[in-house]
Amino acid sequence: MSNPETNQTTAASDIDRYYYYLNMITENVRNGYNEMVLKYCSLSLPLIPVLIEKNIEDFGEFDITTLPAIELGAKLWSYQGNLEKIKEIETLMNSHLELEPWRIHLDRAYERLNAQEV
């Protein structure tokens, strides 16, 4: 149960869930199950802000090199033409400057979406 004053248990639980989903993304990529990859990408996205906060709290910076929920999610959702999910990633990125290194994945997703419209 979470401590309402510190919310530390909830943060720890969210971090555990993030890493569980990350493992599920990896496993499903390996098996070629793109729909399951996207399921776990979608579940991971709302946990990224907690991941950022916890990394900054624990290590003084956000020094994660890969975020498959953004990298793979943006790619696969753009191929599906899912503008709503691409906009969800954009909203997340615009809310957290730490995600700027992943902007290229968002830019490419919009390029793919625009190419589909032509």
N, C-alpha and C. Protein backbone atom coordinates (compact mmCIF):
# COMPACT_ATOMS: atom_id res chain seq x y z
N MET A 1 0.85 -1.18 0.00
CA MET A 1 0.00 0.00 0.00
C MET A 1 0.89 1.23 0.00
N SER A 2 0.47 2.25 -0.68
CA SER A 2 1.31 3.44 -0.78
C SER A 2 1.13 4.34 0.44
N ASN A 3 2.19 5.06 0.75
CA ASN A 3 2.17 6.04 1.82
C ASN A 3 1.66 7.35 1.22
N PRO A 4 0.48 7.84 1.63
CA PRO A 4 -0.08 9.04 1.01
C PRO A 4 0.79 10.28 1.20
N GLU A 5 1.62 10.28 2.25
CA GLU A 5 2.47 11.45 2.49
C GLU A 5 3.66 11.50 1.55
N THR A 6 4.27 10.36 1.27
CA THR A 6 5.48 10.36 0.44
C THR A 6 5.24 9.83 -0.97
N ASN A 7 4.22 9.00 -1.12
CA ASN A 7 3.90 8.40 -2.41
C ASN A 7 5.05 7.56 -2.95
N GLN A 8 5.99 7.15 -2.09
CA GLN A 8 7.16 6.40 -2.53
C GLN A 8 6.81 5.00 -3.00
N THR A 9 5.86 4.33 -2.34
CA THR A 9 5.50 2.99 -2.76
C THR A 9 4.87 3.03 -4.14
N THR A 10 4.05 4.02 -4.40
CA THR A 10 3.44 4.15 -5.71
C THR A 10 4.50 4.38 -6.77
N ALA A 11 5.47 5.23 -6.50
CA ALA A 11 6.54 5.49 -7.46
C ALA A 11 7.34 4.22 -7.71
N ALA A 12 7.67 3.49 -6.65
CA ALA A 12 8.42 2.24 -6.81
C ALA A 12 7.61 1.24 -7.61
N SER A 13 6.33 1.15 -7.34
CA SER A 13 5.45 0.25 -8.07
C SER A 13 5.38 0.64 -9.55
N ASP A 14 5.28 1.94 -9.82
CA ASP A 14 5.25 2.42 -11.20
C ASP A 14 6.55 2.11 -11.93
N ILE A 15 7.67 2.25 -11.24
CA ILE A 15 8.97 1.93 -11.84
C ILE A 15 9.04 0.43 -12.13
N ASP A 16 8.59 -0.38 -11.19
CA ASP A 16 8.56 -1.83 -11.43
C ASP A 16 7.69 -2.17 -12.63
N ARG A 17 6.53 -1.54 -12.71
CA ARG A 17 5.65 -1.79 -13.85
C ARG A 17 6.30 -1.34 -15.15
N TYR A 18 6.97 -0.18 -15.13
CA TYR A 18 7.65 0.29 -16.34
C TYR A 18 8.65 -0.76 -16.83
N TYR A 19 9.48 -1.27 -15.92
CA TYR A 19 10.49 -2.24 -16.34
C TYR A 19 9.88 -3.58 -16.73
N TYR A 20 8.77 -3.94 -16.11
CA TYR A 20 8.05 -5.15 -16.55
C TYR A 20 7.56 -4.95 -17.99
N TYR A 21 6.93 -3.80 -18.26
CA TYR A 21 6.44 -3.52 -19.61
C TYR A 21 7.59 -3.46 -20.60
N LEU A 22 8.71 -2.89 -20.19
CA LEU A 22 9.89 -2.84 -21.06
C LEU A 22 10.32 -4.25 -21.45
N ASN A 23 10.35 -5.15 -20.47
CA ASN A 23 10.69 -6.54 -20.77
C ASN A 23 9.68 -7.18 -21.71
N MET A 24 8.41 -6.86 -21.54
CA MET A 24 7.38 -7.41 -22.42
C MET A 24 7.51 -6.84 -23.83
N ILE A 25 7.88 -5.57 -23.95
CA ILE A 25 8.13 -4.99 -25.28
C ILE A 25 9.26 -5.77 -25.95
N THR A 26 10.35 -5.95 -25.23
CA THR A 26 11.51 -6.65 -25.78
C THR A 26 11.15 -8.07 -26.21
N GLU A 27 10.45 -8.77 -25.36
CA GLU A 27 10.06 -10.16 -25.66
C GLU A 27 9.15 -10.22 -26.89
N ASN A 28 8.22 -9.31 -26.98
CA ASN A 28 7.28 -9.33 -28.11
C ASN A 28 7.93 -8.86 -29.40
N VAL A 29 8.91 -7.97 -29.33
CA VAL A 29 9.68 -7.60 -30.52
C VAL A 29 10.41 -8.83 -31.04
N ARG A 30 11.03 -9.54 -30.12
CA ARG A 30 11.80 -10.75 -30.49
C ARG A 30 10.90 -11.77 -31.19
N ASN A 31 9.64 -11.85 -30.76
CA ASN A 31 8.71 -12.83 -31.33
C ASN A 31 7.90 -12.28 -32.50
N GLY A 32 8.08 -11.00 -32.82
CA GLY A 32 7.39 -10.40 -33.95
C GLY A 32 5.92 -10.09 -33.72
N TYR A 33 5.53 -9.91 -32.47
CA TYR A 33 4.14 -9.62 -32.14
C TYR A 33 3.93 -8.11 -31.99
N ASN A 34 3.79 -7.43 -33.11
CA ASN A 34 3.72 -5.97 -33.08
C ASN A 34 2.54 -5.43 -32.29
N GLU A 35 1.40 -6.10 -32.33
CA GLU A 35 0.24 -5.61 -31.57
C GLU A 35 0.52 -5.67 -30.07
N MET A 36 1.21 -6.69 -29.63
CA MET A 36 1.56 -6.79 -28.21
C MET A 36 2.64 -5.76 -27.86
N VAL A 37 3.56 -5.51 -28.79
CA VAL A 37 4.55 -4.46 -28.58
C VAL A 37 3.83 -3.15 -28.32
N LEU A 38 2.85 -2.84 -29.16
CA LEU A 38 2.12 -1.58 -29.01
C LEU A 38 1.28 -1.54 -27.74
N LYS A 39 0.76 -2.67 -27.33
CA LYS A 39 0.01 -2.73 -26.06
C LYS A 39 0.92 -2.28 -24.92
N TYR A 40 2.13 -2.84 -24.87
CA TYR A 40 3.03 -2.51 -23.77
C TYR A 40 3.67 -1.13 -23.94
N CYS A 41 3.82 -0.67 -25.16
CA CYS A 41 4.25 0.72 -25.37
C CYS A 41 3.21 1.67 -24.80
N SER A 42 1.96 1.39 -25.09
CA SER A 42 0.86 2.23 -24.62
C SER A 42 0.79 2.24 -23.09
N LEU A 43 0.99 1.09 -22.48
CA LEU A 43 0.98 1.02 -21.01
C LEU A 43 2.19 1.72 -20.40
N SER A 44 3.30 1.74 -21.13
CA SER A 44 4.54 2.35 -20.63
C SER A 44 4.53 3.87 -20.67
N LEU A 45 3.91 4.45 -21.69
CA LEU A 45 3.98 5.91 -21.88
C LEU A 45 3.63 6.70 -20.63
N PRO A 46 2.51 6.41 -19.95
CA PRO A 46 2.17 7.22 -18.77
C PRO A 46 3.12 7.03 -17.59
N LEU A 47 3.97 6.01 -17.65
CA LEU A 47 4.92 5.77 -16.56
C LEU A 47 6.26 6.48 -16.77
N ILE A 48 6.48 7.01 -17.96
CA ILE A 48 7.75 7.67 -18.26
C ILE A 48 8.01 8.89 -17.35
N PRO A 49 7.02 9.73 -17.04
CA PRO A 49 7.31 10.84 -16.13
C PRO A 49 7.84 10.38 -14.76
N VAL A 50 7.30 9.29 -14.24
CA VAL A 50 7.79 8.77 -12.96
C VAL A 50 9.22 8.25 -13.12
N LEU A 51 9.50 7.61 -14.24
CA LEU A 51 10.86 7.14 -14.53
C LEU A 51 11.84 8.31 -14.56
N ILE A 52 11.44 9.40 -15.20
CA ILE A 52 12.28 10.60 -15.25
C ILE A 52 12.54 11.13 -13.84
N GLU A 53 11.46 11.32 -13.08
CA GLU A 53 11.59 11.87 -11.73
C GLU A 53 12.47 10.98 -10.84
N LYS A 54 12.26 9.68 -10.92
CA LYS A 54 13.01 8.76 -10.06
C LYS A 54 14.49 8.75 -10.44
N ASN A 55 14.79 8.80 -11.73
CA ASN A 55 16.19 8.84 -12.15
C ASN A 55 16.87 10.12 -11.69
N ILE A 56 16.19 11.23 -11.80
CA ILE A 56 16.75 12.50 -11.35
C ILE A 56 16.94 12.48 -9.84
N GLU A 57 15.96 11.95 -9.13
CA GLU A 57 16.05 11.85 -7.67
C GLU A 57 17.22 10.95 -7.24
N ASP A 58 17.35 9.81 -7.89
CA ASP A 58 18.36 8.82 -7.49
C ASP A 58 19.76 9.13 -8.01
N PHE A 59 19.84 9.68 -9.24
CA PHE A 59 21.14 9.82 -9.90
C PHE A 59 21.50 11.25 -10.27
N GLY A 60 20.58 12.18 -10.01
CA GLY A 60 20.85 13.58 -10.30
C GLY A 60 20.63 13.97 -11.75
N GLU A 61 20.27 13.00 -12.58
CA GLU A 61 20.01 13.28 -13.99
C GLU A 61 19.18 12.16 -14.59
N PHE A 62 18.64 12.43 -15.76
CA PHE A 62 17.92 11.40 -16.52
C PHE A 62 18.87 10.92 -17.59
N ASP A 63 19.48 9.77 -17.35
CA ASP A 63 20.51 9.26 -18.24
C ASP A 63 20.12 7.90 -18.80
N ILE A 64 18.93 7.85 -19.37
CA ILE A 64 18.42 6.64 -20.02
C ILE A 64 18.75 6.77 -21.50
N THR A 65 19.22 5.70 -22.11
CA THR A 65 19.64 5.78 -23.51
C THR A 65 18.58 5.30 -24.49
N THR A 66 17.60 4.56 -24.01
CA THR A 66 16.58 4.05 -24.91
C THR A 66 15.22 4.03 -24.21
N LEU A 67 14.22 4.42 -24.95
CA LEU A 67 12.83 4.38 -24.47
C LEU A 67 11.99 3.73 -25.57
N PRO A 68 11.91 2.41 -25.57
CA PRO A 68 11.18 1.72 -26.63
C PRO A 68 9.72 2.16 -26.77
N ALA A 69 9.10 2.57 -25.68
CA ALA A 69 7.71 3.01 -25.78
C ALA A 69 7.58 4.19 -26.73
N ILE A 70 8.60 5.03 -26.76
CA ILE A 70 8.61 6.16 -27.69
C ILE A 70 9.18 5.73 -29.04
N GLU A 71 10.32 5.07 -29.02
CA GLU A 71 11.02 4.71 -30.26
C GLU A 71 10.17 3.78 -31.13
N LEU A 72 9.76 2.66 -30.56
CA LEU A 72 8.96 1.69 -31.32
C LEU A 72 7.52 2.14 -31.46
N GLY A 73 6.99 2.72 -30.39
CA GLY A 73 5.61 3.19 -30.45
C GLY A 73 5.41 4.20 -31.56
N ALA A 74 6.28 5.20 -31.64
CA ALA A 74 6.15 6.22 -32.68
C ALA A 74 6.25 5.60 -34.07
N LYS A 75 7.16 4.69 -34.23
CA LYS A 75 7.36 4.04 -35.54
C LYS A 75 6.13 3.22 -35.94
N LEU A 76 5.73 2.31 -35.07
CA LEU A 76 4.64 1.40 -35.42
C LEU A 76 3.29 2.13 -35.52
N TRP A 77 3.02 3.04 -34.59
CA TRP A 77 1.76 3.77 -34.66
C TRP A 77 1.69 4.65 -35.90
N SER A 78 2.83 5.20 -36.31
CA SER A 78 2.80 6.03 -37.53
C SER A 78 2.53 5.17 -38.76
N TYR A 79 3.09 3.96 -38.80
CA TYR A 79 2.79 3.06 -39.92
C TYR A 79 1.32 2.66 -39.93
N GLN A 80 0.72 2.60 -38.76
CA GLN A 80 -0.71 2.29 -38.67
C GLN A 80 -1.59 3.52 -38.95
N GLY A 81 -0.97 4.69 -39.02
CA GLY A 81 -1.73 5.91 -39.22
C GLY A 81 -2.43 6.39 -37.96
N ASN A 82 -1.94 6.00 -36.80
CA ASN A 82 -2.58 6.32 -35.53
C ASN A 82 -2.09 7.67 -35.00
N LEU A 83 -2.68 8.74 -35.53
CA LEU A 83 -2.30 10.10 -35.16
C LEU A 83 -2.53 10.37 -33.67
N GLU A 84 -3.56 9.79 -33.10
CA GLU A 84 -3.88 10.01 -31.68
C GLU A 84 -2.71 9.58 -30.78
N LYS A 85 -2.13 8.42 -31.05
CA LYS A 85 -1.01 7.94 -30.23
C LYS A 85 0.26 8.78 -30.47
N ILE A 86 0.46 9.23 -31.70
CA ILE A 86 1.61 10.09 -31.99
C ILE A 86 1.46 11.40 -31.23
N LYS A 87 0.26 11.94 -31.19
CA LYS A 87 0.02 13.17 -30.43
C LYS A 87 0.20 12.94 -28.93
N GLU A 88 -0.12 11.75 -28.44
CA GLU A 88 0.10 11.43 -27.03
C GLU A 88 1.60 11.47 -26.72
N ILE A 89 2.40 10.91 -27.62
CA ILE A 89 3.86 10.97 -27.44
C ILE A 89 4.33 12.42 -27.48
N GLU A 90 3.80 13.20 -28.40
CA GLU A 90 4.19 14.61 -28.51
C GLU A 90 3.86 15.37 -27.23
N THR A 91 2.69 15.15 -26.68
CA THR A 91 2.30 15.81 -25.43
C THR A 91 3.26 15.44 -24.30
N LEU A 92 3.60 14.18 -24.22
CA LEU A 92 4.55 13.72 -23.22
C LEU A 92 5.89 14.41 -23.39
N MET A 93 6.38 14.45 -24.62
CA MET A 93 7.68 15.08 -24.90
C MET A 93 7.66 16.57 -24.59
N ASN A 94 6.58 17.23 -24.93
CA ASN A 94 6.48 18.67 -24.69
C ASN A 94 6.41 18.99 -23.20
N SER A 95 6.01 18.01 -22.39
CA SER A 95 5.91 18.20 -20.95
C SER A 95 7.20 17.89 -20.20
N HIS A 96 8.15 17.25 -20.89
CA HIS A 96 9.38 16.82 -20.23
C HIS A 96 10.58 17.07 -21.14
N LEU A 97 11.33 18.11 -20.83
CA LEU A 97 12.49 18.46 -21.65
C LEU A 97 13.52 17.33 -21.73
N GLU A 98 13.53 16.46 -20.74
CA GLU A 98 14.46 15.34 -20.74
C GLU A 98 14.26 14.40 -21.93
N LEU A 99 13.08 14.48 -22.54
CA LEU A 99 12.76 13.60 -23.66
C LEU A 99 13.16 14.17 -25.02
N GLU A 100 13.77 15.32 -25.03
CA GLU A 100 14.17 15.97 -26.28
C GLU A 100 15.03 15.07 -27.18
N PRO A 101 15.94 14.26 -26.63
CA PRO A 101 16.73 13.38 -27.51
C PRO A 101 15.88 12.41 -28.34
N TRP A 102 14.65 12.17 -27.92
CA TRP A 102 13.76 11.26 -28.65
C TRP A 102 12.88 12.00 -29.66
N ARG A 103 13.05 13.29 -29.77
CA ARG A 103 12.23 14.09 -30.69
C ARG A 103 12.35 13.58 -32.13
N ILE A 104 13.51 13.07 -32.51
CA ILE A 104 13.71 12.57 -33.87
C ILE A 104 12.71 11.45 -34.20
N HIS A 105 12.38 10.63 -33.22
CA HIS A 105 11.41 9.55 -33.45
C HIS A 105 10.02 10.13 -33.72
N LEU A 106 9.70 11.19 -33.01
CA LEU A 106 8.43 11.87 -33.23
C LEU A 106 8.41 12.54 -34.61
N ASP A 107 9.49 13.21 -34.96
CA ASP A 107 9.58 13.86 -36.27
C ASP A 107 9.42 12.85 -37.40
N ARG A 108 10.09 11.72 -37.27
CA ARG A 108 9.98 10.67 -38.30
C ARG A 108 8.56 10.11 -38.37
N ALA A 109 7.92 9.98 -37.21
CA ALA A 109 6.54 9.49 -37.19
C ALA A 109 5.63 10.44 -37.96
N TYR A 110 5.80 11.74 -37.73
CA TYR A 110 4.98 12.70 -38.47
C TYR A 110 5.30 12.67 -39.96
N GLU A 111 6.56 12.48 -40.32
CA GLU A 111 6.93 12.36 -41.74
C GLU A 111 6.23 11.16 -42.37
N ARG A 112 6.19 10.03 -41.67
CA ARG A 112 5.51 8.85 -42.20
C ARG A 112 4.02 9.10 -42.33
N LEU A 113 3.44 9.75 -41.34
CA LEU A 113 2.01 10.06 -41.40
C LEU A 113 1.70 10.97 -42.59
N ASN A 114 2.53 11.99 -42.76
CA ASN A 114 2.33 12.92 -43.88
C ASN A 114 2.50 12.23 -45.21
N ALA A 115 3.45 11.31 -45.32
CA ALA A 115 3.65 10.57 -46.57
C ALA A 115 2.45 9.70 -46.90
N GLN A 116 1.77 9.21 -45.88
CA GLN A 116 0.59 8.38 -46.11
C GLN A 116 -0.57 9.19 -46.65
N GLU A 117 -0.60 10.48 -46.32
CA GLU A 117 -1.70 11.35 -46.76
C GLU A 117 -1.58 11.70 -48.23
N VAL A 118 -0.38 11.66 -48.77
CA VAL A 118 -0.14 12.07 -50.16
C VAL A 118 -0.60 11.03 -51.13
